């Protein structure tokens, strides 16, 4: 019960999401497309979290990440040969 008191629901979901990604990488260590997808997502998320840490959840500061997020989505939606990447493309 203390775990849920110290973490918000979105933090718990993010931690679960990251754990799933780690398992996927361990099961597919040679899938370079998937590693690139994770690297790009991590970079985007780190940038957004840094902005939130510095300025809070103010829309005027978060707007600067809109272009980066759109670029990330365009990269995701390209043709892929990796089964794992195709699986995540369908979720987007």
PDB file of N, CA and C in Angstrom:
ATOM      1  N   UNK A   1       0.809  -1.182   0.000  1.00  0.00           N
ATOM      2  CA  UNK A   1       0.000   0.000   0.000  1.00  0.00           C
ATOM      3  C   UNK A   1       0.866   1.265   0.000  1.00  0.00           C
ATOM      4  N   UNK A   2       1.995   1.223   0.664  1.00  0.00           N
ATOM      5  CA  UNK A   2       2.860   2.387   0.728  1.00  0.00           C
ATOM      6  C   UNK A   2       3.392   2.752  -0.661  1.00  0.00           C
ATOM      7  N   UNK A   3       3.584   1.773  -1.522  1.00  0.00           N
ATOM      8  CA  UNK A   3       4.062   2.026  -2.879  1.00  0.00           C
ATOM      9  C   UNK A   3       3.115   2.969  -3.614  1.00  0.00           C
ATOM     10  N   UNK A   4       1.826   2.741  -3.514  1.00  0.00           N
ATOM     11  CA  UNK A   4       0.855   3.571  -4.205  1.00  0.00           C
ATOM     12  C   UNK A   4       0.694   4.937  -3.550  1.00  0.00           C
ATOM     13  N   UNK A   5       1.020   5.042  -2.283  1.00  0.00           N
ATOM     14  CA  UNK A   5       0.937   6.338  -1.620  1.00  0.00           C
ATOM     15  C   UNK A   5       2.091   7.241  -2.040  1.00  0.00           C
ATOM     16  N   UNK A   6       3.226   6.653  -2.362  1.00  0.00           N
ATOM     17  CA  UNK A   6       4.384   7.463  -2.713  1.00  0.00           C
ATOM     18  C   UNK A   6       4.510   7.705  -4.216  1.00  0.00           C
ATOM     19  N   UNK A   7       3.739   7.014  -5.047  1.00  0.00           N
ATOM     20  CA  UNK A   7       3.803   7.181  -6.494  1.00  0.00           C
ATOM     21  C   UNK A   7       2.419   7.512  -7.041  1.00  0.00           C
ATOM     22  N   UNK A   8       2.395   8.389  -8.024  1.00  0.00           N
ATOM     23  CA  UNK A   8       1.113   8.652  -8.680  1.00  0.00           C
ATOM     24  C   UNK A   8       0.827   7.519  -9.659  1.00  0.00           C
ATOM     25  N   UNK A   9      -0.405   7.416 -10.101  1.00  0.00           N
ATOM     26  CA  UNK A   9      -0.810   6.353 -11.017  1.00  0.00           C
ATOM     27  C   UNK A   9      -0.015   6.428 -12.317  1.00  0.00           C
ATOM     28  N   UNK A  10       0.218   7.626 -12.842  1.00  0.00           N
ATOM     29  CA  UNK A  10       0.963   7.758 -14.092  1.00  0.00           C
ATOM     30  C   UNK A  10       2.414   7.322 -13.922  1.00  0.00           C
ATOM     31  N   UNK A  11       3.009   7.566 -12.750  1.00  0.00           N
ATOM     32  CA  UNK A  11       4.371   7.109 -12.497  1.00  0.00           C
ATOM     33  C   UNK A  11       4.432   5.592 -12.475  1.00  0.00           C
ATOM     34  N   UNK A  12       3.449   4.960 -11.879  1.00  0.00           N
ATOM     35  CA  UNK A  12       3.405   3.498 -11.824  1.00  0.00           C
ATOM     36  C   UNK A  12       3.277   2.940 -13.235  1.00  0.00           C
ATOM     37  N   UNK A  13       2.409   3.539 -14.059  1.00  0.00           N
ATOM     38  CA  UNK A  13       2.246   3.072 -15.431  1.00  0.00           C
ATOM     39  C   UNK A  13       3.521   3.261 -16.234  1.00  0.00           C
ATOM     40  N   UNK A  14       4.216   4.387 -16.050  1.00  0.00           N
ATOM     41  CA  UNK A  14       5.463   4.630 -16.759  1.00  0.00           C
ATOM     42  C   UNK A  14       6.522   3.623 -16.342  1.00  0.00           C
ATOM     43  N   UNK A  15       6.613   3.338 -15.045  1.00  0.00           N
ATOM     44  CA  UNK A  15       7.585   2.355 -14.572  1.00  0.00           C
ATOM     45  C   UNK A  15       7.285   0.977 -15.153  1.00  0.00           C
ATOM     46  N   UNK A  16       6.022   0.604 -15.214  1.00  0.00           N
ATOM     47  CA  UNK A  16       5.635  -0.676 -15.791  1.00  0.00           C
ATOM     48  C   UNK A  16       5.990  -0.712 -17.281  1.00  0.00           C
ATOM     49  N   UNK A  17       5.741   0.384 -17.987  1.00  0.00           N
ATOM     50  CA  UNK A  17       6.044   0.490 -19.412  1.00  0.00           C
ATOM     51  C   UNK A  17       7.544   0.328 -19.648  1.00  0.00           C
ATOM     52  N   UNK A  18       8.360   0.994 -18.840  1.00  0.00           N
ATOM     53  CA  UNK A  18       9.813   0.907 -18.980  1.00  0.00           C
ATOM     54  C   UNK A  18      10.288  -0.509 -18.680  1.00  0.00           C
ATOM     55  N   UNK A  19       9.730  -1.162 -17.669  1.00  0.00           N
ATOM     56  CA  UNK A  19      10.111  -2.540 -17.362  1.00  0.00           C
ATOM     57  C   UNK A  19       9.789  -3.476 -18.520  1.00  0.00           C
ATOM     58  N   UNK A  20       8.650  -3.296 -19.169  1.00  0.00           N
ATOM     59  CA  UNK A  20       8.283  -4.119 -20.326  1.00  0.00           C
ATOM     60  C   UNK A  20       9.300  -3.922 -21.439  1.00  0.00           C
ATOM     61  N   UNK A  21       9.742  -2.691 -21.653  1.00  0.00           N
ATOM     62  CA  UNK A  21      10.719  -2.399 -22.699  1.00  0.00           C
ATOM     63  C   UNK A  21      12.054  -3.077 -22.393  1.00  0.00           C
ATOM     64  N   UNK A  22      12.473  -3.069 -21.136  1.00  0.00           N
ATOM     65  CA  UNK A  22      13.731  -3.720 -20.770  1.00  0.00           C
ATOM     66  C   UNK A  22      13.666  -5.207 -21.070  1.00  0.00           C
ATOM     67  N   UNK A  23      12.552  -5.838 -20.739  1.00  0.00           N
ATOM     68  CA  UNK A  23      12.390  -7.268 -20.994  1.00  0.00           C
ATOM     69  C   UNK A  23      12.434  -7.532 -22.490  1.00  0.00           C
ATOM     70  N   UNK A  24      11.784  -6.684 -23.282  1.00  0.00           N
ATOM     71  CA  UNK A  24      11.773  -6.856 -24.731  1.00  0.00           C
ATOM     72  C   UNK A  24      13.179  -6.754 -25.302  1.00  0.00           C
ATOM     73  N   UNK A  25      13.987  -5.846 -24.791  1.00  0.00           N
ATOM     74  CA  UNK A  25      15.361  -5.704 -25.269  1.00  0.00           C
ATOM     75  C   UNK A  25      16.175  -6.933 -24.893  1.00  0.00           C
ATOM     76  N   UNK A  26      15.976  -7.440 -23.693  1.00  0.00           N
ATOM     77  CA  UNK A  26      16.723  -8.625 -23.274  1.00  0.00           C
ATOM     78  C   UNK A  26      16.345  -9.852 -24.092  1.00  0.00           C
ATOM     79  N   UNK A  27      15.077  -9.950 -24.482  1.00  0.00           N
ATOM     80  CA  UNK A  27      14.639 -11.091 -25.290  1.00  0.00           C
ATOM     81  C   UNK A  27      15.055 -10.956 -26.747  1.00  0.00           C
ATOM     82  N   UNK A  28      15.327  -9.737 -27.205  1.00  0.00           N
ATOM     83  CA  UNK A  28      15.677  -9.469 -28.602  1.00  0.00           C
ATOM     84  C   UNK A  28      16.928  -8.594 -28.673  1.00  0.00           C
ATOM     85  N   UNK A  29      18.077  -9.128 -28.242  1.00  0.00           N
ATOM     86  CA  UNK A  29      19.269  -8.285 -28.137  1.00  0.00           C
ATOM     87  C   UNK A  29      19.847  -7.828 -29.477  1.00  0.00           C
ATOM     88  N   UNK A  30      19.470  -8.468 -30.580  1.00  0.00           N
ATOM     89  CA  UNK A  30      20.050  -8.126 -31.875  1.00  0.00           C
ATOM     90  C   UNK A  30      19.097  -7.336 -32.763  1.00  0.00           C
ATOM     91  N   UNK A  31      18.010  -6.884 -32.219  1.00  0.00           N
ATOM     92  CA  UNK A  31      17.025  -6.127 -32.989  1.00  0.00           C
ATOM     93  C   UNK A  31      17.406  -4.644 -32.957  1.00  0.00           C
ATOM     94  N   UNK A  32      18.187  -4.226 -33.951  1.00  0.00           N
ATOM     95  CA  UNK A  32      18.687  -2.852 -33.981  1.00  0.00           C
ATOM     96  C   UNK A  32      17.584  -1.821 -34.205  1.00  0.00           C
ATOM     97  N   UNK A  33      16.567  -2.169 -34.988  1.00  0.00           N
ATOM     98  CA  UNK A  33      15.459  -1.236 -35.203  1.00  0.00           C
ATOM     99  C   UNK A  33      14.748  -0.932 -33.887  1.00  0.00           C
ATOM    100  N   UNK A  34      14.550  -1.958 -33.089  1.00  0.00           N
ATOM    101  CA  UNK A  34      13.873  -1.777 -31.802  1.00  0.00           C
ATOM    102  C   UNK A  34      14.735  -0.944 -30.859  1.00  0.00           C
ATOM    103  N   UNK A  35      16.034  -1.194 -30.858  1.00  0.00           N
ATOM    104  CA  UNK A  35      16.931  -0.408 -30.012  1.00  0.00           C
ATOM    105  C   UNK A  35      16.908   1.064 -30.412  1.00  0.00           C
ATOM    106  N   UNK A  36      16.856   1.323 -31.714  1.00  0.00           N
ATOM    107  CA  UNK A  36      16.785   2.700 -32.195  1.00  0.00           C
ATOM    108  C   UNK A  36      15.485   3.359 -31.757  1.00  0.00           C
ATOM    109  N   UNK A  37      14.381   2.618 -31.847  1.00  0.00           N
ATOM    110  CA  UNK A  37      13.083   3.125 -31.403  1.00  0.00           C
ATOM    111  C   UNK A  37      13.139   3.504 -29.924  1.00  0.00           C
ATOM    112  N   UNK A  38      13.700   2.634 -29.107  1.00  0.00           N
ATOM    113  CA  UNK A  38      13.798   2.914 -27.668  1.00  0.00           C
ATOM    114  C   UNK A  38      14.717   4.096 -27.379  1.00  0.00           C
ATOM    115  N   UNK A  39      15.817   4.170 -28.117  1.00  0.00           N
ATOM    116  CA  UNK A  39      16.755   5.273 -27.916  1.00  0.00           C
ATOM    117  C   UNK A  39      16.082   6.613 -28.239  1.00  0.00           C
ATOM    118  N   UNK A  40      15.350   6.656 -29.352  1.00  0.00           N
ATOM    119  CA  UNK A  40      14.649   7.886 -29.737  1.00  0.00           C
ATOM    120  C   UNK A  40      13.572   8.250 -28.720  1.00  0.00           C
ATOM    121  N   UNK A  41      12.824   7.251 -28.255  1.00  0.00           N
ATOM    122  CA  UNK A  41      11.782   7.504 -27.257  1.00  0.00           C
ATOM    123  C   UNK A  41      12.399   8.002 -25.952  1.00  0.00           C
ATOM    124  N   UNK A  42      13.485   7.378 -25.533  1.00  0.00           N
ATOM    125  CA  UNK A  42      14.153   7.786 -24.290  1.00  0.00           C
ATOM    126  C   UNK A  42      14.647   9.221 -24.376  1.00  0.00           C
ATOM    127  N   UNK A  43      15.205   9.572 -25.511  1.00  0.00           N
ATOM    128  CA  UNK A  43      15.704  10.927 -25.708  1.00  0.00           C
ATOM    129  C   UNK A  43      14.570  11.946 -25.628  1.00  0.00           C
ATOM    130  N   UNK A  44      13.464  11.648 -26.294  1.00  0.00           N
ATOM    131  CA  UNK A  44      12.297  12.534 -26.261  1.00  0.00           C
ATOM    132  C   UNK A  44      11.754  12.669 -24.843  1.00  0.00           C
ATOM    133  N   UNK A  45      11.604  11.553 -24.160  1.00  0.00           N
ATOM    134  CA  UNK A  45      11.049  11.568 -22.806  1.00  0.00           C
ATOM    135  C   UNK A  45      11.963  12.313 -21.832  1.00  0.00           C
ATOM    136  N   UNK A  46      13.276  12.104 -21.947  1.00  0.00           N
ATOM    137  CA  UNK A  46      14.222  12.812 -21.077  1.00  0.00           C
ATOM    138  C   UNK A  46      14.124  14.325 -21.256  1.00  0.00           C
ATOM    139  N   UNK A  47      14.006  14.732 -22.513  1.00  0.00           N
ATOM    140  CA  UNK A  47      13.884  16.151 -22.813  1.00  0.00           C
ATOM    141  C   UNK A  47      12.612  16.743 -22.202  1.00  0.00           C
ATOM    142  N   UNK A  48      11.508  16.032 -22.337  1.00  0.00           N
ATOM    143  CA  UNK A  48      10.231  16.497 -21.783  1.00  0.00           C
ATOM    144  C   UNK A  48      10.285  16.545 -20.258  1.00  0.00           C
ATOM    145  N   UNK A  49      10.835  15.516 -19.649  1.00  0.00           N
ATOM    146  CA  UNK A  49      10.931  15.476 -18.183  1.00  0.00           C
ATOM    147  C   UNK A  49      11.841  16.596 -17.667  1.00  0.00           C
ATOM    148  N   UNK A  50      12.923  16.877 -18.384  1.00  0.00           N
ATOM    149  CA  UNK A  50      13.811  17.974 -17.975  1.00  0.00           C
ATOM    150  C   UNK A  50      13.073  19.310 -18.006  1.00  0.00           C
ATOM    151  N   UNK A  51      12.250  19.505 -19.030  1.00  0.00           N
ATOM    152  CA  UNK A  51      11.456  20.736 -19.117  1.00  0.00           C
ATOM    153  C   UNK A  51      10.463  20.815 -17.965  1.00  0.00           C
ATOM    154  N   UNK A  52       9.814  19.703 -17.660  1.00  0.00           N
ATOM    155  CA  UNK A  52       8.847  19.676 -16.556  1.00  0.00           C
ATOM    156  C   UNK A  52       9.544  19.955 -15.229  1.00  0.00           C
ATOM    157  N   UNK A  53      10.719  19.366 -15.027  1.00  0.00           N
ATOM    158  CA  UNK A  53      11.465  19.612 -13.792  1.00  0.00           C
ATOM    159  C   UNK A  53      11.834  21.092 -13.646  1.00  0.00           C
ATOM    160  N   UNK A  54      12.161  21.715 -14.759  1.00  0.00           N
ATOM    161  CA  UNK A  54      12.613  23.108 -14.716  1.00  0.00           C
ATOM    162  C   UNK A  54      11.458  24.109 -14.629  1.00  0.00           C
ATOM    163  N   UNK A  55      10.380  23.872 -15.422  1.00  0.00           N
ATOM    164  CA  UNK A  55       9.306  24.863 -15.535  1.00  0.00           C
ATOM    165  C   UNK A  55       7.939  24.395 -15.039  1.00  0.00           C
ATOM    166  N   UNK A  56       7.807  23.135 -14.704  1.00  0.00           N
ATOM    167  CA  UNK A  56       6.497  22.610 -14.330  1.00  0.00           C
ATOM    168  C   UNK A  56       5.694  22.241 -15.571  1.00  0.00           C
ATOM    169  N   UNK A  57       4.408  22.012 -15.398  1.00  0.00           N
ATOM    170  CA  UNK A  57       3.551  21.559 -16.493  1.00  0.00           C
ATOM    171  C   UNK A  57       2.881  22.728 -17.219  1.00  0.00           C
ATOM    172  N   UNK A  58       3.625  23.744 -17.495  1.00  0.00           N
ATOM    173  CA  UNK A  58       3.077  24.916 -18.182  1.00  0.00           C
ATOM    174  C   UNK A  58       3.113  24.682 -19.689  1.00  0.00           C
ATOM    175  N   UNK A  59       1.971  24.902 -20.324  1.00  0.00           N
ATOM    176  CA  UNK A  59       1.818  24.612 -21.751  1.00  0.00           C
ATOM    177  C   UNK A  59       2.818  25.375 -22.612  1.00  0.00           C
ATOM    178  N   UNK A  60       3.119  26.601 -22.248  1.00  0.00           N
ATOM    179  CA  UNK A  60       4.013  27.397 -23.099  1.00  0.00           C
ATOM    180  C   UNK A  60       5.416  26.805 -23.180  1.00  0.00           C
ATOM    181  N   UNK A  61       5.836  26.095 -22.143  1.00  0.00           N
ATOM    182  CA  UNK A  61       7.151  25.465 -22.171  1.00  0.00           C
ATOM    183  C   UNK A  61       7.092  24.077 -22.810  1.00  0.00           C
ATOM    184  N   UNK A  62       5.980  23.396 -22.632  1.00  0.00           N
ATOM    185  CA  UNK A  62       5.844  22.055 -23.203  1.00  0.00           C
ATOM    186  C   UNK A  62       5.604  22.093 -24.709  1.00  0.00           C
ATOM    187  N   UNK A  63       5.125  23.220 -25.226  1.00  0.00           N
ATOM    188  CA  UNK A  63       4.873  23.348 -26.670  1.00  0.00           C
ATOM    189  C   UNK A  63       6.126  23.109 -27.495  1.00  0.00           C
ATOM    190  N   UNK A  64       7.274  23.424 -26.934  1.00  0.00           N
ATOM    191  CA  UNK A  64       8.513  23.279 -27.700  1.00  0.00           C
ATOM    192  C   UNK A  64       8.805  21.812 -28.046  1.00  0.00           C
ATOM    193  N   UNK A  65       8.172  20.882 -27.356  1.00  0.00           N
ATOM    194  CA  UNK A  65       8.404  19.458 -27.612  1.00  0.00           C
ATOM    195  C   UNK A  65       7.455  18.883 -28.660  1.00  0.00           C
ATOM    196  N   UNK A  66       6.506  19.678 -29.097  1.00  0.00           N
ATOM    197  CA  UNK A  66       5.520  19.197 -30.061  1.00  0.00           C
ATOM    198  C   UNK A  66       6.192  18.753 -31.366  1.00  0.00           C
ATOM    199  N   UNK A  67       7.114  19.546 -31.864  1.00  0.00           N
ATOM    200  CA  UNK A  67       7.814  19.209 -33.106  1.00  0.00           C
ATOM    201  C   UNK A  67       8.629  17.921 -32.936  1.00  0.00           C
ATOM    202  N   UNK A  68       9.318  17.797 -31.801  1.00  0.00           N
ATOM    203  CA  UNK A  68      10.107  16.590 -31.540  1.00  0.00           C
ATOM    204  C   UNK A  68       9.219  15.354 -31.448  1.00  0.00           C
ATOM    205  N   UNK A  69       8.061  15.501 -30.813  1.00  0.00           N
ATOM    206  CA  UNK A  69       7.125  14.379 -30.695  1.00  0.00           C
ATOM    207  C   UNK A  69       6.585  13.983 -32.064  1.00  0.00           C
ATOM    208  N   UNK A  70       6.260  14.968 -32.899  1.00  0.00           N
ATOM    209  CA  UNK A  70       5.780  14.661 -34.247  1.00  0.00           C
ATOM    210  C   UNK A  70       6.852  13.970 -35.079  1.00  0.00           C
ATOM    211  N   UNK A  71       8.091  14.409 -34.943  1.00  0.00           N
ATOM    212  CA  UNK A  71       9.206  13.763 -35.641  1.00  0.00           C
ATOM    213  C   UNK A  71       9.358  12.318 -35.180  1.00  0.00           C
ATOM    214  N   UNK A  72       9.227  12.098 -33.882  1.00  0.00           N
ATOM    215  CA  UNK A  72       9.318  10.740 -33.342  1.00  0.00           C
ATOM    216  C   UNK A  72       8.227   9.850 -33.932  1.00  0.00           C
ATOM    217  N   UNK A  73       6.987  10.351 -33.980  1.00  0.00           N
ATOM    218  CA  UNK A  73       5.889   9.561 -34.533  1.00  0.00           C
ATOM    219  C   UNK A  73       6.101   9.267 -36.012  1.00  0.00           C
ATOM    220  N   UNK A  74       6.638  10.221 -36.750  1.00  0.00           N
ATOM    221  CA  UNK A  74       6.913   9.976 -38.175  1.00  0.00           C
ATOM    222  C   UNK A  74       7.956   8.879 -38.340  1.00  0.00           C
ATOM    223  N   UNK A  75       8.968   8.870 -37.473  1.00  0.00           N
ATOM    224  CA  UNK A  75       9.989   7.819 -37.528  1.00  0.00           C
ATOM    225  C   UNK A  75       9.379   6.453 -37.232  1.00  0.00           C
ATOM    226  N   UNK A  76       8.468   6.411 -36.260  1.00  0.00           N
ATOM    227  CA  UNK A  76       7.842   5.145 -35.877  1.00  0.00           C
ATOM    228  C   UNK A  76       7.046   4.550 -37.025  1.00  0.00           C
ATOM    229  N   UNK A  77       6.364   5.411 -37.769  1.00  0.00           N
ATOM    230  CA  UNK A  77       5.423   4.934 -38.770  1.00  0.00           C
ATOM    231  C   UNK A  77       6.058   4.545 -40.105  1.00  0.00           C
ATOM    232  N   UNK A  78       7.380   4.575 -40.216  1.00  0.00           N
ATOM    233  CA  UNK A  78       8.012   4.145 -41.464  1.00  0.00           C
ATOM    234  C   UNK A  78       7.975   2.620 -41.592  1.00  0.00           C
ATOM    235  N   UNK A  79       8.240   2.129 -42.770  1.00  0.00           N
ATOM    236  CA  UNK A  79       8.259   0.677 -42.989  1.00  0.00           C
ATOM    237  C   UNK A  79       9.314   0.038 -42.092  1.00  0.00           C
ATOM    238  N   UNK A  80       8.954  -1.066 -41.498  1.00  0.00           N
ATOM    239  CA  UNK A  80       9.867  -1.748 -40.592  1.00  0.00           C
ATOM    240  C   UNK A  80       9.884  -3.239 -40.887  1.00  0.00           C
ATOM    241  N   UNK A  81      11.019  -3.857 -40.643  1.00  0.00           N
ATOM    242  CA  UNK A  81      11.128  -5.302 -40.818  1.00  0.00           C
ATOM    243  C   UNK A  81      11.093  -6.033 -39.482  1.00  0.00           C
ATOM    244  N   UNK A  82      11.248  -5.310 -38.410  1.00  0.00           N
ATOM    245  CA  UNK A  82      11.277  -5.901 -37.080  1.00  0.00           C
ATOM    246  C   UNK A  82       9.859  -6.194 -36.595  1.00  0.00           C
ATOM    247  N   UNK A  83       9.620  -7.431 -36.185  1.00  0.00           N
ATOM    248  CA  UNK A  83       8.295  -7.810 -35.677  1.00  0.00           C
ATOM    249  C   UNK A  83       7.923  -6.993 -34.436  1.00  0.00           C
ATOM    250  N   UNK A  84       8.888  -6.761 -33.596  1.00  0.00           N
ATOM    251  CA  UNK A  84       8.648  -6.016 -32.363  1.00  0.00           C
ATOM    252  C   UNK A  84       8.273  -4.560 -32.657  1.00  0.00           C
ATOM    253  N   UNK A  85       8.963  -3.945 -33.595  1.00  0.00           N
ATOM    254  CA  UNK A  85       8.651  -2.562 -33.965  1.00  0.00           C
ATOM    255  C   UNK A  85       7.280  -2.495 -34.624  1.00  0.00           C
ATOM    256  N   UNK A  86       6.959  -3.454 -35.469  1.00  0.00           N
ATOM    257  CA  UNK A  86       5.646  -3.500 -36.120  1.00  0.00           C
ATOM    258  C   UNK A  86       4.547  -3.608 -35.067  1.00  0.00           C
ATOM    259  N   UNK A  87       4.795  -4.398 -34.027  1.00  0.00           N
ATOM    260  CA  UNK A  87       3.828  -4.545 -32.936  1.00  0.00           C
ATOM    261  C   UNK A  87       3.543  -3.196 -32.276  1.00  0.00           C
ATOM    262  N   UNK A  88       4.598  -2.407 -32.024  1.00  0.00           N
ATOM    263  CA  UNK A  88       4.414  -1.102 -31.392  1.00  0.00           C
ATOM    264  C   UNK A  88       3.849  -0.074 -32.364  1.00  0.00           C
ATOM    265  N   UNK A  89       4.122  -0.236 -33.654  1.00  0.00           N
ATOM    266  CA  UNK A  89       3.523   0.659 -34.653  1.00  0.00           C
ATOM    267  C   UNK A  89       2.007   0.528 -34.639  1.00  0.00           C
ATOM    268  N   UNK A  90       1.524  -0.680 -34.482  1.00  0.00           N
ATOM    269  CA  UNK A  90       0.079  -0.910 -34.463  1.00  0.00           C
ATOM    270  C   UNK A  90      -0.567  -0.257 -33.246  1.00  0.00           C
ATOM    271  N   UNK A  91       0.161  -0.145 -32.146  1.00  0.00           N
ATOM    272  CA  UNK A  91      -0.374   0.486 -30.940  1.00  0.00           C
ATOM    273  C   UNK A  91      -0.473   1.998 -31.089  1.00  0.00           C
ATOM    274  N   UNK A  92       0.378   2.554 -31.926  1.00  0.00           N
ATOM    275  CA  UNK A  92       0.376   4.009 -32.125  1.00  0.00           C
ATOM    276  C   UNK A  92      -0.756   4.337 -33.035  1.00  0.00           C
TER     277      UNK A  92
END
